[in-house]
Amino acid sequence: MYTMNKFSTISLALLVSTFSLSALSAEMMSKNEFKKVHNQYTEIGNISTSGETDSATAKDDLSKKADQLGGDIYILSSGNTNNKIHGTAKVYKKK
């Protein structure tokens, strides 16, 4: 019984930490949404992705790169889907 409770506690802790880490990931924001809150953010850099085969993978790559810069959000500034997905984005951090 003790082992099962310990296992349940560890499993729950891992699950919570997974959700906590994903909640801290930089999120993509549309240009229209950003216009409403732009004064709350500071631009901290630019990121890009290329050679991805689907939009979800490209979005994940941009989010990961924005996280590495310490960004909270990123705004897609260009994209191209000629056989492979290429995109650039500006990264912002909340003031």
PDB file of N, CA and C in Angstrom:
ATOM      1  N   MET A   1       0.831  -1.188   0.000  1.00  0.00           N
ATOM      2  CA  MET A   1       0.000   0.000   0.000  1.00  0.00           C
ATOM      3  C   MET A   1       0.877   1.254   0.000  1.00  0.00           C
ATOM      4  N   TYR A   2       1.927   1.257   0.810  1.00  0.00           N
ATOM      5  CA  TYR A   2       2.817   2.410   0.886  1.00  0.00           C
ATOM      6  C   TYR A   2       3.467   2.679  -0.471  1.00  0.00           C
ATOM      7  N   THR A   3       3.887   1.629  -1.148  1.00  0.00           N
ATOM      8  CA  THR A   3       4.533   1.772  -2.452  1.00  0.00           C
ATOM      9  C   THR A   3       3.574   2.384  -3.462  1.00  0.00           C
ATOM     10  N   MET A   4       2.311   1.990  -3.443  1.00  0.00           N
ATOM     11  CA  MET A   4       1.320   2.527  -4.376  1.00  0.00           C
ATOM     12  C   MET A   4       1.094   4.012  -4.114  1.00  0.00           C
ATOM     13  N   ASN A   5       1.021   4.426  -2.854  1.00  0.00           N
ATOM     14  CA  ASN A   5       0.840   5.841  -2.535  1.00  0.00           C
ATOM     15  C   ASN A   5       2.047   6.658  -2.975  1.00  0.00           C
ATOM     16  N   LYS A   6       3.232   6.101  -2.758  1.00  0.00           N
ATOM     17  CA  LYS A   6       4.450   6.781  -3.169  1.00  0.00           C
ATOM     18  C   LYS A   6       4.491   6.917  -4.687  1.00  0.00           C
ATOM     19  N   PHE A   7       4.113   5.837  -5.396  1.00  0.00           N
ATOM     20  CA  PHE A   7       4.066   5.860  -6.858  1.00  0.00           C
ATOM     21  C   PHE A   7       3.058   6.902  -7.346  1.00  0.00           C
ATOM     22  N   SER A   8       1.881   6.950  -6.725  1.00  0.00           N
ATOM     23  CA  SER A   8       0.842   7.919  -7.108  1.00  0.00           C
ATOM     24  C   SER A   8       1.320   9.348  -6.889  1.00  0.00           C
ATOM     25  N   THR A   9       2.005   9.580  -5.781  1.00  0.00           N
ATOM     26  CA  THR A   9       2.528  10.909  -5.479  1.00  0.00           C
ATOM     27  C   THR A   9       3.571  11.339  -6.501  1.00  0.00           C
ATOM     28  N   ILE A  10       4.479  10.431  -6.846  1.00  0.00           N
ATOM     29  CA  ILE A  10       5.511  10.742  -7.841  1.00  0.00           C
ATOM     30  C   ILE A  10       4.882  10.981  -9.201  1.00  0.00           C
ATOM     31  N   SER A  11       3.912  10.157  -9.586  1.00  0.00           N
ATOM     32  CA  SER A  11       3.229  10.324 -10.871  1.00  0.00           C
ATOM     33  C   SER A  11       2.524  11.667 -10.945  1.00  0.00           C
ATOM     34  N   LEU A  12       1.842  12.030  -9.868  1.00  0.00           N
ATOM     35  CA  LEU A  12       1.145  13.308  -9.829  1.00  0.00           C
ATOM     36  C   LEU A  12       2.128  14.468  -9.924  1.00  0.00           C
ATOM     37  N   ALA A  13       3.248  14.367  -9.236  1.00  0.00           N
ATOM     38  CA  ALA A  13       4.258  15.424  -9.277  1.00  0.00           C
ATOM     39  C   ALA A  13       4.813  15.590 -10.688  1.00  0.00           C
ATOM     40  N   LEU A  14       5.075  14.492 -11.375  1.00  0.00           N
ATOM     41  CA  LEU A  14       5.575  14.563 -12.753  1.00  0.00           C
ATOM     42  C   LEU A  14       4.538  15.186 -13.678  1.00  0.00           C
ATOM     43  N   LEU A  15       3.289  14.826 -13.504  1.00  0.00           N
ATOM     44  CA  LEU A  15       2.215  15.373 -14.325  1.00  0.00           C
ATOM     45  C   LEU A  15       2.067  16.878 -14.113  1.00  0.00           C
ATOM     46  N   VAL A  16       2.093  17.304 -12.863  1.00  0.00           N
ATOM     47  CA  VAL A  16       1.976  18.732 -12.548  1.00  0.00           C
ATOM     48  C   VAL A  16       3.163  19.504 -13.105  1.00  0.00           C
ATOM     49  N   SER A  17       4.363  18.958 -12.971  1.00  0.00           N
ATOM     50  CA  SER A  17       5.538  19.665 -13.485  1.00  0.00           C
ATOM     51  C   SER A  17       5.496  19.772 -14.998  1.00  0.00           C
ATOM     52  N   THR A  18       4.954  18.788 -15.688  1.00  0.00           N
ATOM     53  CA  THR A  18       4.819  18.843 -17.139  1.00  0.00           C
ATOM     54  C   THR A  18       3.895  19.980 -17.537  1.00  0.00           C
ATOM     55  N   PHE A  19       2.754  20.103 -16.861  1.00  0.00           N
ATOM     56  CA  PHE A  19       1.835  21.189 -17.169  1.00  0.00           C
ATOM     57  C   PHE A  19       2.407  22.542 -16.776  1.00  0.00           C
ATOM     58  N   SER A  20       3.142  22.593 -15.690  1.00  0.00           N
ATOM     59  CA  SER A  20       3.743  23.851 -15.254  1.00  0.00           C
ATOM     60  C   SER A  20       4.763  24.339 -16.268  1.00  0.00           C
ATOM     61  N   LEU A  21       5.588  23.446 -16.798  1.00  0.00           N
ATOM     62  CA  LEU A  21       6.586  23.844 -17.784  1.00  0.00           C
ATOM     63  C   LEU A  21       5.930  24.302 -19.072  1.00  0.00           C
ATOM     64  N   SER A  22       4.862  23.642 -19.502  1.00  0.00           N
ATOM     65  CA  SER A  22       4.206  24.048 -20.740  1.00  0.00           C
ATOM     66  C   SER A  22       3.485  25.377 -20.561  1.00  0.00           C
ATOM     67  N   ALA A  23       3.048  25.677 -19.345  1.00  0.00           N
ATOM     68  CA  ALA A  23       2.376  26.947 -19.097  1.00  0.00           C
ATOM     69  C   ALA A  23       3.349  28.115 -19.197  1.00  0.00           C
ATOM     70  N   LEU A  24       4.644  27.834 -19.052  1.00  0.00           N
ATOM     71  CA  LEU A  24       5.645  28.879 -19.114  1.00  0.00           C
ATOM     72  C   LEU A  24       6.192  29.087 -20.522  1.00  0.00           C
ATOM     73  N   SER A  25       5.760  28.276 -21.466  1.00  0.00           N
ATOM     74  CA  SER A  25       6.250  28.393 -22.834  1.00  0.00           C
ATOM     75  C   SER A  25       5.743  29.670 -23.481  1.00  0.00           C
ATOM     76  N   ALA A  26       6.597  30.246 -24.328  1.00  0.00           N
ATOM     77  CA  ALA A  26       6.194  31.432 -25.072  1.00  0.00           C
ATOM     78  C   ALA A  26       5.028  31.075 -25.992  1.00  0.00           C
ATOM     79  N   GLU A  27       4.086  31.956 -26.083  1.00  0.00           N
ATOM     80  CA  GLU A  27       2.895  31.742 -26.890  1.00  0.00           C
ATOM     81  C   GLU A  27       2.904  32.650 -28.113  1.00  0.00           C
ATOM     82  N   MET A  28       2.385  32.127 -29.214  1.00  0.00           N
ATOM     83  CA  MET A  28       2.234  32.957 -30.401  1.00  0.00           C
ATOM     84  C   MET A  28       1.006  33.845 -30.210  1.00  0.00           C
ATOM     85  N   MET A  29       1.131  35.114 -30.582  1.00  0.00           N
ATOM     86  CA  MET A  29       0.032  36.064 -30.482  1.00  0.00           C
ATOM     87  C   MET A  29      -0.163  36.698 -31.856  1.00  0.00           C
ATOM     88  N   SER A  30      -1.403  36.912 -32.235  1.00  0.00           N
ATOM     89  CA  SER A  30      -1.665  37.543 -33.532  1.00  0.00           C
ATOM     90  C   SER A  30      -1.291  39.021 -33.474  1.00  0.00           C
ATOM     91  N   LYS A  31      -1.033  39.598 -34.635  1.00  0.00           N
ATOM     92  CA  LYS A  31      -0.682  41.020 -34.700  1.00  0.00           C
ATOM     93  C   LYS A  31      -1.820  41.872 -34.163  1.00  0.00           C
ATOM     94  N   ASN A  32      -3.060  41.500 -34.458  1.00  0.00           N
ATOM     95  CA  ASN A  32      -4.210  42.273 -33.964  1.00  0.00           C
ATOM     96  C   ASN A  32      -4.326  42.223 -32.446  1.00  0.00           C
ATOM     97  N   GLU A  33      -4.107  41.049 -31.856  1.00  0.00           N
ATOM     98  CA  GLU A  33      -4.134  40.935 -30.393  1.00  0.00           C
ATOM     99  C   GLU A  33      -2.999  41.741 -29.783  1.00  0.00           C
ATOM    100  N   PHE A  34      -1.826  41.680 -30.414  1.00  0.00           N
ATOM    101  CA  PHE A  34      -0.664  42.386 -29.893  1.00  0.00           C
ATOM    102  C   PHE A  34      -0.866  43.896 -29.912  1.00  0.00           C
ATOM    103  N   LYS A  35      -1.545  44.415 -30.913  1.00  0.00           N
ATOM    104  CA  LYS A  35      -1.790  45.861 -30.996  1.00  0.00           C
ATOM    105  C   LYS A  35      -2.504  46.373 -29.746  1.00  0.00           C
ATOM    106  N   LYS A  36      -3.360  45.549 -29.173  1.00  0.00           N
ATOM    107  CA  LYS A  36      -4.129  45.947 -27.989  1.00  0.00           C
ATOM    108  C   LYS A  36      -3.284  46.010 -26.721  1.00  0.00           C
ATOM    109  N   VAL A  37      -2.173  45.263 -26.684  1.00  0.00           N
ATOM    110  CA  VAL A  37      -1.378  45.162 -25.452  1.00  0.00           C
ATOM    111  C   VAL A  37       0.103  45.471 -25.673  1.00  0.00           C
ATOM    112  N   HIS A  38       0.447  46.034 -26.816  1.00  0.00           N
ATOM    113  CA  HIS A  38       1.857  46.237 -27.178  1.00  0.00           C
ATOM    114  C   HIS A  38       2.647  47.022 -26.132  1.00  0.00           C
ATOM    115  N   ASN A  39       1.996  47.936 -25.430  1.00  0.00           N
ATOM    116  CA  ASN A  39       2.712  48.749 -24.440  1.00  0.00           C
ATOM    117  C   ASN A  39       3.089  47.960 -23.182  1.00  0.00           C
ATOM    118  N   GLN A  40       2.631  46.721 -23.084  1.00  0.00           N
ATOM    119  CA  GLN A  40       2.976  45.865 -21.939  1.00  0.00           C
ATOM    120  C   GLN A  40       4.210  45.000 -22.209  1.00  0.00           C
ATOM    121  N   TYR A  41       4.752  45.076 -23.434  1.00  0.00           N
ATOM    122  CA  TYR A  41       5.851  44.195 -23.838  1.00  0.00           C
ATOM    123  C   TYR A  41       7.027  44.974 -24.401  1.00  0.00           C
ATOM    124  N   THR A  42       8.192  44.367 -24.301  1.00  0.00           N
ATOM    125  CA  THR A  42       9.432  44.894 -24.862  1.00  0.00           C
ATOM    126  C   THR A  42       9.989  43.860 -25.829  1.00  0.00           C
ATOM    127  N   GLU A  43      10.381  44.310 -27.029  1.00  0.00           N
ATOM    128  CA  GLU A  43      10.974  43.394 -27.994  1.00  0.00           C
ATOM    129  C   GLU A  43      12.368  42.985 -27.520  1.00  0.00           C
ATOM    130  N   ILE A  44      12.648  41.672 -27.582  1.00  0.00           N
ATOM    131  CA  ILE A  44      13.952  41.197 -27.108  1.00  0.00           C
ATOM    132  C   ILE A  44      14.727  40.427 -28.167  1.00  0.00           C
ATOM    133  N   GLY A  45      14.149  40.235 -29.350  1.00  0.00           N
ATOM    134  CA  GLY A  45      14.899  39.532 -30.384  1.00  0.00           C
ATOM    135  C   GLY A  45      14.052  39.018 -31.513  1.00  0.00           C
ATOM    136  N   ASN A  46      14.708  38.341 -32.443  1.00  0.00           N
ATOM    137  CA  ASN A  46      14.066  37.732 -33.600  1.00  0.00           C
ATOM    138  C   ASN A  46      14.455  36.264 -33.660  1.00  0.00           C
ATOM    139  N   ILE A  47      13.532  35.450 -34.139  1.00  0.00           N
ATOM    140  CA  ILE A  47      13.781  34.017 -34.270  1.00  0.00           C
ATOM    141  C   ILE A  47      13.296  33.559 -35.638  1.00  0.00           C
ATOM    142  N   SER A  48      13.741  32.381 -36.049  1.00  0.00           N
ATOM    143  CA  SER A  48      13.266  31.830 -37.310  1.00  0.00           C
ATOM    144  C   SER A  48      13.287  30.311 -37.251  1.00  0.00           C
ATOM    145  N   THR A  49      12.541  29.717 -38.151  1.00  0.00           N
ATOM    146  CA  THR A  49      12.513  28.275 -38.315  1.00  0.00           C
ATOM    147  C   THR A  49      12.484  27.989 -39.804  1.00  0.00           C
ATOM    148  N   SER A  50      13.036  26.873 -40.203  1.00  0.00           N
ATOM    149  CA  SER A  50      12.981  26.514 -41.620  1.00  0.00           C
ATOM    150  C   SER A  50      13.088  25.020 -41.793  1.00  0.00           C
ATOM    151  N   GLY A  51      12.573  24.556 -42.910  1.00  0.00           N
ATOM    152  CA  GLY A  51      12.656  23.144 -43.234  1.00  0.00           C
ATOM    153  C   GLY A  51      11.659  22.261 -42.518  1.00  0.00           C
ATOM    154  N   GLU A  52      10.714  22.845 -41.791  1.00  0.00           N
ATOM    155  CA  GLU A  52       9.718  22.039 -41.086  1.00  0.00           C
ATOM    156  C   GLU A  52       8.679  21.530 -42.078  1.00  0.00           C
ATOM    157  N   THR A  53       8.079  20.393 -41.790  1.00  0.00           N
ATOM    158  CA  THR A  53       7.125  19.792 -42.715  1.00  0.00           C
ATOM    159  C   THR A  53       5.669  20.066 -42.363  1.00  0.00           C
ATOM    160  N   ASP A  54       5.405  20.571 -41.157  1.00  0.00           N
ATOM    161  CA  ASP A  54       4.028  20.921 -40.791  1.00  0.00           C
ATOM    162  C   ASP A  54       4.021  22.131 -39.872  1.00  0.00           C
ATOM    163  N   SER A  55       2.878  22.803 -39.832  1.00  0.00           N
ATOM    164  CA  SER A  55       2.794  24.056 -39.073  1.00  0.00           C
ATOM    165  C   SER A  55       2.936  23.850 -37.566  1.00  0.00           C
ATOM    166  N   ALA A  56       2.460  22.728 -37.044  1.00  0.00           N
ATOM    167  CA  ALA A  56       2.574  22.477 -35.602  1.00  0.00           C
ATOM    168  C   ALA A  56       4.041  22.355 -35.187  1.00  0.00           C
ATOM    169  N   THR A  57       4.842  21.694 -35.993  1.00  0.00           N
ATOM    170  CA  THR A  57       6.265  21.551 -35.692  1.00  0.00           C
ATOM    171  C   THR A  57       6.968  22.894 -35.786  1.00  0.00           C
ATOM    172  N   ALA A  58       6.610  23.686 -36.794  1.00  0.00           N
ATOM    173  CA  ALA A  58       7.202  25.020 -36.939  1.00  0.00           C
ATOM    174  C   ALA A  58       6.838  25.898 -35.746  1.00  0.00           C
ATOM    175  N   LYS A  59       5.586  25.837 -35.315  1.00  0.00           N
ATOM    176  CA  LYS A  59       5.141  26.623 -34.156  1.00  0.00           C
ATOM    177  C   LYS A  59       5.885  26.191 -32.898  1.00  0.00           C
ATOM    178  N   ASP A  60       6.046  24.887 -32.695  1.00  0.00           N
ATOM    179  CA  ASP A  60       6.782  24.379 -31.533  1.00  0.00           C
ATOM    180  C   ASP A  60       8.233  24.852 -31.547  1.00  0.00           C
ATOM    181  N   ASP A  61       8.842  24.846 -32.738  1.00  0.00           N
ATOM    182  CA  ASP A  61      10.232  25.285 -32.866  1.00  0.00           C
ATOM    183  C   ASP A  61      10.358  26.770 -32.527  1.00  0.00           C
ATOM    184  N   LEU A  62       9.435  27.584 -33.034  1.00  0.00           N
ATOM    185  CA  LEU A  62       9.470  29.019 -32.725  1.00  0.00           C
ATOM    186  C   LEU A  62       9.260  29.261 -31.233  1.00  0.00           C
ATOM    187  N   SER A  63       8.331  28.542 -30.633  1.00  0.00           N
ATOM    188  CA  SER A  63       8.071  28.699 -29.200  1.00  0.00           C
ATOM    189  C   SER A  63       9.309  28.334 -28.381  1.00  0.00           C
ATOM    190  N   LYS A  64       9.967  27.239 -28.743  1.00  0.00           N
ATOM    191  CA  LYS A  64      11.177  26.806 -28.041  1.00  0.00           C
ATOM    192  C   LYS A  64      12.271  27.863 -28.151  1.00  0.00           C
ATOM    193  N   LYS A  65      12.439  28.430 -29.341  1.00  0.00           N
ATOM    194  CA  LYS A  65      13.466  29.456 -29.541  1.00  0.00           C
ATOM    195  C   LYS A  65      13.115  30.738 -28.785  1.00  0.00           C
ATOM    196  N   ALA A  66      11.838  31.089 -28.733  1.00  0.00           N
ATOM    197  CA  ALA A  66      11.413  32.261 -27.962  1.00  0.00           C
ATOM    198  C   ALA A  66      11.671  32.032 -26.475  1.00  0.00           C
ATOM    199  N   ASP A  67      11.425  30.819 -25.996  1.00  0.00           N
ATOM    200  CA  ASP A  67      11.717  30.462 -24.597  1.00  0.00           C
ATOM    201  C   ASP A  67      13.201  30.645 -24.294  1.00  0.00           C
ATOM    202  N   GLN A  68      14.051  30.209 -25.214  1.00  0.00           N
ATOM    203  CA  GLN A  68      15.496  30.302 -25.014  1.00  0.00           C
ATOM    204  C   GLN A  68      15.954  31.755 -24.900  1.00  0.00           C
ATOM    205  N   LEU A  69      15.215  32.673 -25.538  1.00  0.00           N
ATOM    206  CA  LEU A  69      15.533  34.100 -25.419  1.00  0.00           C
ATOM    207  C   LEU A  69      14.935  34.720 -24.158  1.00  0.00           C
ATOM    208  N   GLY A  70      14.076  33.973 -23.474  1.00  0.00           N
ATOM    209  CA  GLY A  70      13.412  34.500 -22.289  1.00  0.00           C
ATOM    210  C   GLY A  70      12.125  35.225 -22.611  1.00  0.00           C
ATOM    211  N   GLY A  71      11.569  34.974 -23.797  1.00  0.00           N
ATOM    212  CA  GLY A  71      10.355  35.661 -24.230  1.00  0.00           C
ATOM    213  C   GLY A  71       9.088  35.050 -23.676  1.00  0.00           C
ATOM    214  N   ASP A  72       8.057  35.881 -23.606  1.00  0.00           N
ATOM    215  CA  ASP A  72       6.736  35.448 -23.172  1.00  0.00           C
ATOM    216  C   ASP A  72       5.828  35.176 -24.373  1.00  0.00           C
ATOM    217  N   ILE A  73       5.989  35.983 -25.410  1.00  0.00           N
ATOM    218  CA  ILE A  73       5.177  35.836 -26.612  1.00  0.00           C
ATOM    219  C   ILE A  73       6.055  36.026 -27.847  1.00  0.00           C
ATOM    220  N   TYR A  74       5.539  35.585 -28.983  1.00  0.00           N
ATOM    221  CA  TYR A  74       6.193  35.877 -30.251  1.00  0.00           C
ATOM    222  C   TYR A  74       5.111  36.174 -31.283  1.00  0.00           C
ATOM    223  N   ILE A  75       5.455  37.067 -32.213  1.00  0.00           N
ATOM    224  CA  ILE A  75       4.537  37.507 -33.262  1.00  0.00           C
ATOM    225  C   ILE A  75       5.126  37.086 -34.593  1.00  0.00           C
ATOM    226  N   LEU A  76       4.416  36.255 -35.336  1.00  0.00           N
ATOM    227  CA  LEU A  76       4.891  35.808 -36.639  1.00  0.00           C
ATOM    228  C   LEU A  76       5.014  37.010 -37.563  1.00  0.00           C
ATOM    229  N   SER A  77       6.200  37.189 -38.139  1.00  0.00           N
ATOM    230  CA  SER A  77       6.407  38.337 -39.029  1.00  0.00           C
ATOM    231  C   SER A  77       6.480  37.926 -40.492  1.00  0.00           C
ATOM    232  N   SER A  78       6.796  36.665 -40.774  1.00  0.00           N
ATOM    233  CA  SER A  78       6.753  36.184 -42.155  1.00  0.00           C
ATOM    234  C   SER A  78       6.651  34.673 -42.151  1.00  0.00           C
ATOM    235  N   GLY A  79       6.163  34.162 -43.264  1.00  0.00           N
ATOM    236  CA  GLY A  79       6.044  32.721 -43.399  1.00  0.00           C
ATOM    237  C   GLY A  79       5.991  32.330 -44.858  1.00  0.00           C
ATOM    238  N   ASN A  80       6.420  31.116 -45.146  1.00  0.00           N
ATOM    239  CA  ASN A  80       6.438  30.607 -46.506  1.00  0.00           C
ATOM    240  C   ASN A  80       6.205  29.109 -46.432  1.00  0.00           C
ATOM    241  N   THR A  81       5.359  28.588 -47.307  1.00  0.00           N
ATOM    242  CA  THR A  81       5.050  27.164 -47.274  1.00  0.00           C
ATOM    243  C   THR A  81       5.341  26.463 -48.597  1.00  0.00           C
ATOM    244  N   ASN A  82       6.373  26.859 -49.300  1.00  0.00           N
ATOM    245  CA  ASN A  82       6.759  26.178 -50.535  1.00  0.00           C
ATOM    246  C   ASN A  82       7.433  24.851 -50.192  1.00  0.00           C
ATOM    247  N   ASN A  83       6.656  23.778 -50.138  1.00  0.00           N
ATOM    248  CA  ASN A  83       7.096  22.416 -49.810  1.00  0.00           C
ATOM    249  C   ASN A  83       7.521  22.250 -48.354  1.00  0.00           C
ATOM    250  N   LYS A  84       8.250  23.154 -47.792  1.00  0.00           N
ATOM    251  CA  LYS A  84       8.653  23.123 -46.385  1.00  0.00           C
ATOM    252  C   LYS A  84       8.266  24.457 -45.764  1.00  0.00           C
ATOM    253  N   ILE A  85       8.015  24.454 -44.476  1.00  0.00           N
ATOM    254  CA  ILE A  85       7.579  25.676 -43.797  1.00  0.00           C
ATOM    255  C   ILE A  85       8.787  26.457 -43.302  1.00  0.00           C
ATOM    256  N   HIS A  86       8.798  27.730 -43.603  1.00  0.00           N
ATOM    257  CA  HIS A  86       9.819  28.664 -43.133  1.00  0.00           C
ATOM    258  C   HIS A  86       9.079  29.828 -42.482  1.00  0.00           C
ATOM    259  N   GLY A  87       9.583  30.338 -41.378  1.00  0.00           N
ATOM    260  CA  GLY A  87       8.932  31.466 -40.725  1.00  0.00           C
ATOM    261  C   GLY A  87       9.887  32.242 -39.846  1.00  0.00           C
ATOM    262  N   THR A  88       9.573  33.520 -39.666  1.00  0.00           N
ATOM    263  CA  THR A  88      10.319  34.364 -38.743  1.00  0.00           C
ATOM    264  C   THR A  88       9.329  35.010 -37.786  1.00  0.00           C
ATOM    265  N   ALA A  89       9.826  35.408 -36.626  1.00  0.00           N
ATOM    266  CA  ALA A  89       8.961  36.020 -35.616  1.00  0.00           C
ATOM    267  C   ALA A  89       9.774  36.959 -34.747  1.00  0.00           C
ATOM    268  N   LYS A  90       9.101  37.965 -34.214  1.00  0.00           N
ATOM    269  CA  LYS A  90       9.694  38.858 -33.222  1.00  0.00           C
ATOM    270  C   LYS A  90       9.289  38.342 -31.856  1.00  0.00           C
ATOM    271  N   VAL A  91      10.214  38.404 -30.907  1.00  0.00           N
ATOM    272  CA  VAL A  91       9.972  37.881 -29.560  1.00  0.00           C
ATOM    273  C   VAL A  91       9.856  39.059 -28.597  1.00  0.00           C
ATOM    274  N   TYR A  92       8.888  38.967 -27.681  1.00  0.00           N
ATOM    275  CA  TYR A  92       8.639  40.024 -26.719  1.00  0.00           C
ATOM    276  C   TYR A  92       8.582  39.450 -25.313  1.00  0.00           C
ATOM    277  N   LYS A  93       9.002  40.267 -24.347  1.00  0.00           N
ATOM    278  CA  LYS A  93       8.944  39.908 -22.930  1.00  0.00           C
ATOM    279  C   LYS A  93       8.072  40.941 -22.246  1.00  0.00           C
ATOM    280  N   LYS A  94       7.252  40.482 -21.326  1.00  0.00           N
ATOM    281  CA  LYS A  94       6.365  41.378 -20.580  1.00  0.00           C
ATOM    282  C   LYS A  94       7.220  42.319 -19.734  1.00  0.00           C
ATOM    283  N   LYS A  95       6.867  43.601 -19.738  1.00  0.00           N
ATOM    284  CA  LYS A  95       7.621  44.606 -18.961  1.00  0.00           C
ATOM    285  C   LYS A  95       7.450  44.380 -17.487  1.00  0.00           C
TER     286      LYS A  95
END
